[in-house]
Amino acid sequence: YMVSQKLHDNVYITIDLDVFDPAILPSTGTPEPDGLYYREVLNFLKLINERHNIIGLDVVELCPNEINKSSDFLASKLIYQILSMRYQNQ
């Protein structure tokens, strides 16, 4: 979380879904064993939101899977929660 101290006031966030552990997000281009979990990423993003002005974001590396839609739901929930954090007091 020390990274947050080095950022400018305005930040653009790119979330590469490969960062998540494949146990919770298997549908990605390059699954990484021992990746991060949802709460870890969300807590970091909350910290960024508290200390900085998020001016935009993108989410990359989702490979939709017709059989298992859990990755799609996780990605959309993450986007929803980031936008909710960003605009909750406006």
N, C-alpha and C. Protein backbone atom coordinates (compact mmCIF):
# COMPACT_ATOMS: atom_id res chain seq x y z
N TYR A 1 0.82 -1.20 0.00
CA TYR A 1 0.00 0.00 0.00
C TYR A 1 0.86 1.25 0.00
N MET A 2 2.15 1.07 0.07
CA MET A 2 3.06 2.21 -0.01
C MET A 2 3.02 2.84 -1.40
N VAL A 3 2.59 2.09 -2.39
CA VAL A 3 2.47 2.61 -3.75
C VAL A 3 1.57 3.83 -3.76
N SER A 4 0.53 3.82 -2.96
CA SER A 4 -0.43 4.92 -2.92
C SER A 4 0.24 6.25 -2.62
N GLN A 5 1.29 6.23 -1.82
CA GLN A 5 1.98 7.47 -1.43
C GLN A 5 2.76 8.08 -2.59
N LYS A 6 3.07 7.30 -3.60
CA LYS A 6 3.88 7.78 -4.72
C LYS A 6 3.05 8.26 -5.90
N LEU A 7 1.74 8.13 -5.82
CA LEU A 7 0.87 8.50 -6.93
C LEU A 7 0.56 9.99 -6.92
N HIS A 8 0.23 10.51 -8.09
CA HIS A 8 -0.24 11.89 -8.21
C HIS A 8 -1.67 11.98 -7.69
N ASP A 9 -2.19 13.20 -7.59
CA ASP A 9 -3.56 13.37 -7.10
C ASP A 9 -4.57 12.68 -8.02
N ASN A 10 -4.45 12.89 -9.32
CA ASN A 10 -5.34 12.26 -10.30
C ASN A 10 -4.72 10.94 -10.76
N VAL A 11 -5.51 9.87 -10.71
CA VAL A 11 -4.99 8.57 -11.13
C VAL A 11 -5.95 7.90 -12.10
N TYR A 12 -5.38 7.18 -13.04
CA TYR A 12 -6.12 6.32 -13.95
C TYR A 12 -5.76 4.89 -13.57
N ILE A 13 -6.75 4.04 -13.42
CA ILE A 13 -6.52 2.68 -12.95
C ILE A 13 -6.78 1.68 -14.07
N THR A 14 -5.84 0.79 -14.29
CA THR A 14 -6.03 -0.36 -15.17
C THR A 14 -5.98 -1.61 -14.29
N ILE A 15 -7.00 -2.41 -14.38
CA ILE A 15 -7.04 -3.66 -13.62
C ILE A 15 -6.93 -4.81 -14.61
N ASP A 16 -5.82 -5.52 -14.55
CA ASP A 16 -5.62 -6.71 -15.36
C ASP A 16 -6.14 -7.89 -14.54
N LEU A 17 -7.18 -8.53 -15.01
CA LEU A 17 -7.83 -9.59 -14.25
C LEU A 17 -6.93 -10.80 -14.01
N ASP A 18 -5.79 -10.87 -14.70
CA ASP A 18 -4.82 -11.93 -14.44
C ASP A 18 -4.30 -11.88 -13.00
N VAL A 19 -4.44 -10.74 -12.35
CA VAL A 19 -3.95 -10.58 -10.97
C VAL A 19 -4.71 -11.46 -9.99
N PHE A 20 -5.94 -11.83 -10.33
CA PHE A 20 -6.76 -12.64 -9.42
C PHE A 20 -6.35 -14.11 -9.46
N ASP A 21 -6.49 -14.76 -8.33
CA ASP A 21 -6.23 -16.19 -8.26
C ASP A 21 -7.23 -16.93 -9.16
N PRO A 22 -6.77 -17.90 -9.94
CA PRO A 22 -7.68 -18.63 -10.83
C PRO A 22 -8.80 -19.37 -10.10
N ALA A 23 -8.66 -19.57 -8.81
CA ALA A 23 -9.73 -20.21 -8.05
C ALA A 23 -10.98 -19.34 -8.01
N ILE A 24 -10.81 -18.01 -8.11
CA ILE A 24 -11.98 -17.12 -8.09
C ILE A 24 -12.25 -16.48 -9.45
N LEU A 25 -11.24 -16.46 -10.33
CA LEU A 25 -11.44 -15.89 -11.67
C LEU A 25 -10.65 -16.73 -12.68
N PRO A 26 -11.23 -17.85 -13.12
CA PRO A 26 -10.52 -18.74 -14.03
C PRO A 26 -10.51 -18.27 -15.49
N SER A 27 -11.45 -17.43 -15.88
CA SER A 27 -11.61 -17.06 -17.29
C SER A 27 -10.81 -15.81 -17.63
N THR A 28 -9.51 -15.99 -17.74
CA THR A 28 -8.63 -14.89 -18.09
C THR A 28 -7.57 -15.41 -19.06
N GLY A 29 -6.92 -14.49 -19.75
CA GLY A 29 -5.94 -14.89 -20.76
C GLY A 29 -4.75 -15.64 -20.20
N THR A 30 -4.26 -15.21 -19.05
CA THR A 30 -3.08 -15.82 -18.45
C THR A 30 -3.33 -16.05 -16.96
N PRO A 31 -3.98 -17.14 -16.59
CA PRO A 31 -4.23 -17.40 -15.17
C PRO A 31 -2.92 -17.50 -14.39
N GLU A 32 -2.86 -16.87 -13.24
CA GLU A 32 -1.66 -16.87 -12.41
C GLU A 32 -1.94 -17.56 -11.08
N PRO A 33 -1.37 -18.74 -10.86
CA PRO A 33 -1.55 -19.40 -9.56
C PRO A 33 -1.08 -18.50 -8.42
N ASP A 34 -1.74 -18.63 -7.29
CA ASP A 34 -1.42 -17.85 -6.09
C ASP A 34 -1.62 -16.36 -6.32
N GLY A 35 -2.65 -16.02 -7.07
CA GLY A 35 -2.97 -14.62 -7.32
C GLY A 35 -3.69 -14.00 -6.14
N LEU A 36 -4.13 -12.77 -6.34
CA LEU A 36 -4.82 -12.03 -5.28
C LEU A 36 -6.28 -12.44 -5.19
N TYR A 37 -6.88 -12.14 -4.05
CA TYR A 37 -8.30 -12.40 -3.85
C TYR A 37 -9.07 -11.10 -3.91
N TYR A 38 -10.38 -11.22 -4.11
CA TYR A 38 -11.24 -10.06 -4.36
C TYR A 38 -11.10 -8.99 -3.28
N ARG A 39 -11.17 -9.38 -2.01
CA ARG A 39 -11.10 -8.40 -0.91
C ARG A 39 -9.77 -7.66 -0.89
N GLU A 40 -8.68 -8.34 -1.21
CA GLU A 40 -7.37 -7.68 -1.24
C GLU A 40 -7.36 -6.56 -2.28
N VAL A 41 -7.86 -6.86 -3.45
CA VAL A 41 -7.89 -5.87 -4.52
C VAL A 41 -8.85 -4.74 -4.17
N LEU A 42 -10.02 -5.08 -3.67
CA LEU A 42 -11.01 -4.06 -3.33
C LEU A 42 -10.50 -3.15 -2.21
N ASN A 43 -9.86 -3.70 -1.20
CA ASN A 43 -9.31 -2.87 -0.12
C ASN A 43 -8.24 -1.92 -0.63
N PHE A 44 -7.40 -2.38 -1.54
CA PHE A 44 -6.39 -1.51 -2.13
C PHE A 44 -7.05 -0.38 -2.93
N LEU A 45 -8.07 -0.72 -3.69
CA LEU A 45 -8.77 0.29 -4.48
C LEU A 45 -9.50 1.29 -3.59
N LYS A 46 -10.02 0.84 -2.46
CA LYS A 46 -10.65 1.76 -1.50
C LYS A 46 -9.62 2.76 -0.99
N LEU A 47 -8.43 2.28 -0.68
CA LEU A 47 -7.36 3.16 -0.22
C LEU A 47 -7.00 4.19 -1.29
N ILE A 48 -6.88 3.75 -2.53
CA ILE A 48 -6.58 4.67 -3.63
C ILE A 48 -7.69 5.70 -3.74
N ASN A 49 -8.93 5.27 -3.66
CA ASN A 49 -10.07 6.19 -3.76
C ASN A 49 -10.08 7.22 -2.63
N GLU A 50 -9.69 6.81 -1.43
CA GLU A 50 -9.67 7.74 -0.29
C GLU A 50 -8.58 8.79 -0.42
N ARG A 51 -7.47 8.43 -1.03
CA ARG A 51 -6.30 9.32 -1.09
C ARG A 51 -6.14 10.07 -2.40
N HIS A 52 -6.84 9.63 -3.44
CA HIS A 52 -6.61 10.18 -4.77
C HIS A 52 -7.93 10.37 -5.51
N ASN A 53 -7.85 11.08 -6.63
CA ASN A 53 -9.00 11.32 -7.49
C ASN A 53 -8.92 10.36 -8.67
N ILE A 54 -9.78 9.36 -8.69
CA ILE A 54 -9.80 8.41 -9.80
C ILE A 54 -10.49 9.08 -10.98
N ILE A 55 -9.73 9.28 -12.06
CA ILE A 55 -10.28 9.99 -13.22
C ILE A 55 -10.74 9.04 -14.32
N GLY A 56 -10.43 7.76 -14.19
CA GLY A 56 -10.87 6.78 -15.17
C GLY A 56 -10.32 5.42 -14.83
N LEU A 57 -10.87 4.40 -15.50
CA LEU A 57 -10.38 3.05 -15.26
C LEU A 57 -10.74 2.16 -16.43
N ASP A 58 -9.98 1.09 -16.55
CA ASP A 58 -10.34 0.03 -17.48
C ASP A 58 -10.02 -1.31 -16.84
N VAL A 59 -10.70 -2.32 -17.32
CA VAL A 59 -10.52 -3.68 -16.83
C VAL A 59 -10.22 -4.54 -18.05
N VAL A 60 -9.11 -5.28 -17.99
CA VAL A 60 -8.66 -6.04 -19.16
C VAL A 60 -8.43 -7.51 -18.82
N GLU A 61 -8.36 -8.33 -19.86
CA GLU A 61 -8.02 -9.75 -19.80
C GLU A 61 -9.14 -10.66 -19.32
N LEU A 62 -10.38 -10.26 -19.52
CA LEU A 62 -11.49 -11.18 -19.26
C LEU A 62 -11.73 -12.00 -20.52
N CYS A 63 -11.72 -13.30 -20.39
CA CYS A 63 -12.03 -14.21 -21.50
C CYS A 63 -13.35 -14.92 -21.15
N PRO A 64 -14.47 -14.35 -21.58
CA PRO A 64 -15.77 -14.92 -21.21
C PRO A 64 -15.85 -16.41 -21.54
N ASN A 65 -16.50 -17.13 -20.65
CA ASN A 65 -16.63 -18.57 -20.76
C ASN A 65 -18.11 -18.91 -20.67
N GLU A 66 -18.66 -19.50 -21.70
CA GLU A 66 -20.10 -19.81 -21.74
C GLU A 66 -20.53 -20.79 -20.65
N ILE A 67 -19.64 -21.65 -20.22
CA ILE A 67 -19.99 -22.67 -19.23
C ILE A 67 -19.96 -22.11 -17.81
N ASN A 68 -18.98 -21.27 -17.50
CA ASN A 68 -18.81 -20.74 -16.15
C ASN A 68 -18.78 -19.22 -16.21
N LYS A 69 -19.82 -18.58 -15.76
CA LYS A 69 -19.93 -17.12 -15.84
C LYS A 69 -19.45 -16.41 -14.58
N SER A 70 -18.86 -17.13 -13.63
CA SER A 70 -18.44 -16.51 -12.37
C SER A 70 -17.40 -15.41 -12.60
N SER A 71 -16.52 -15.59 -13.56
CA SER A 71 -15.52 -14.56 -13.85
C SER A 71 -16.18 -13.28 -14.36
N ASP A 72 -17.19 -13.44 -15.20
CA ASP A 72 -17.93 -12.28 -15.72
C ASP A 72 -18.57 -11.50 -14.57
N PHE A 73 -19.17 -12.23 -13.65
CA PHE A 73 -19.83 -11.57 -12.51
C PHE A 73 -18.83 -10.88 -11.60
N LEU A 74 -17.68 -11.52 -11.37
CA LEU A 74 -16.67 -10.89 -10.52
C LEU A 74 -16.18 -9.59 -11.16
N ALA A 75 -15.90 -9.62 -12.45
CA ALA A 75 -15.41 -8.42 -13.14
C ALA A 75 -16.45 -7.31 -13.10
N SER A 76 -17.71 -7.64 -13.37
CA SER A 76 -18.74 -6.60 -13.36
C SER A 76 -18.99 -6.07 -11.95
N LYS A 77 -18.93 -6.93 -10.94
CA LYS A 77 -19.09 -6.48 -9.56
C LYS A 77 -17.96 -5.54 -9.16
N LEU A 78 -16.75 -5.86 -9.58
CA LEU A 78 -15.60 -5.01 -9.27
C LEU A 78 -15.78 -3.62 -9.89
N ILE A 79 -16.17 -3.57 -11.15
CA ILE A 79 -16.40 -2.28 -11.81
C ILE A 79 -17.50 -1.51 -11.09
N TYR A 80 -18.59 -2.19 -10.76
CA TYR A 80 -19.70 -1.55 -10.05
C TYR A 80 -19.23 -0.97 -8.72
N GLN A 81 -18.45 -1.73 -7.98
CA GLN A 81 -18.02 -1.25 -6.67
C GLN A 81 -17.04 -0.09 -6.77
N ILE A 82 -16.18 -0.10 -7.76
CA ILE A 82 -15.26 1.03 -7.95
C ILE A 82 -16.05 2.28 -8.29
N LEU A 83 -16.99 2.18 -9.21
CA LEU A 83 -17.80 3.34 -9.57
C LEU A 83 -18.63 3.83 -8.38
N SER A 84 -19.16 2.90 -7.60
CA SER A 84 -19.93 3.28 -6.41
C SER A 84 -19.06 4.02 -5.41
N MET A 85 -17.84 3.53 -5.18
CA MET A 85 -16.91 4.22 -4.27
C MET A 85 -16.61 5.62 -4.77
N ARG A 86 -16.34 5.70 -6.06
CA ARG A 86 -15.91 6.96 -6.66
C ARG A 86 -17.00 8.03 -6.57
N TYR A 87 -18.24 7.65 -6.78
CA TYR A 87 -19.32 8.63 -6.88
C TYR A 87 -20.29 8.63 -5.70
N GLN A 88 -19.98 7.95 -4.62
CA GLN A 88 -20.93 7.83 -3.51
C GLN A 88 -21.26 9.16 -2.84
N ASN A 89 -20.38 10.12 -2.84
CA ASN A 89 -20.62 11.40 -2.16
C ASN A 89 -20.94 12.53 -3.12
N GLN A 90 -21.37 12.20 -4.31
CA GLN A 90 -21.65 13.26 -5.29
C GLN A 90 -23.10 13.26 -5.68
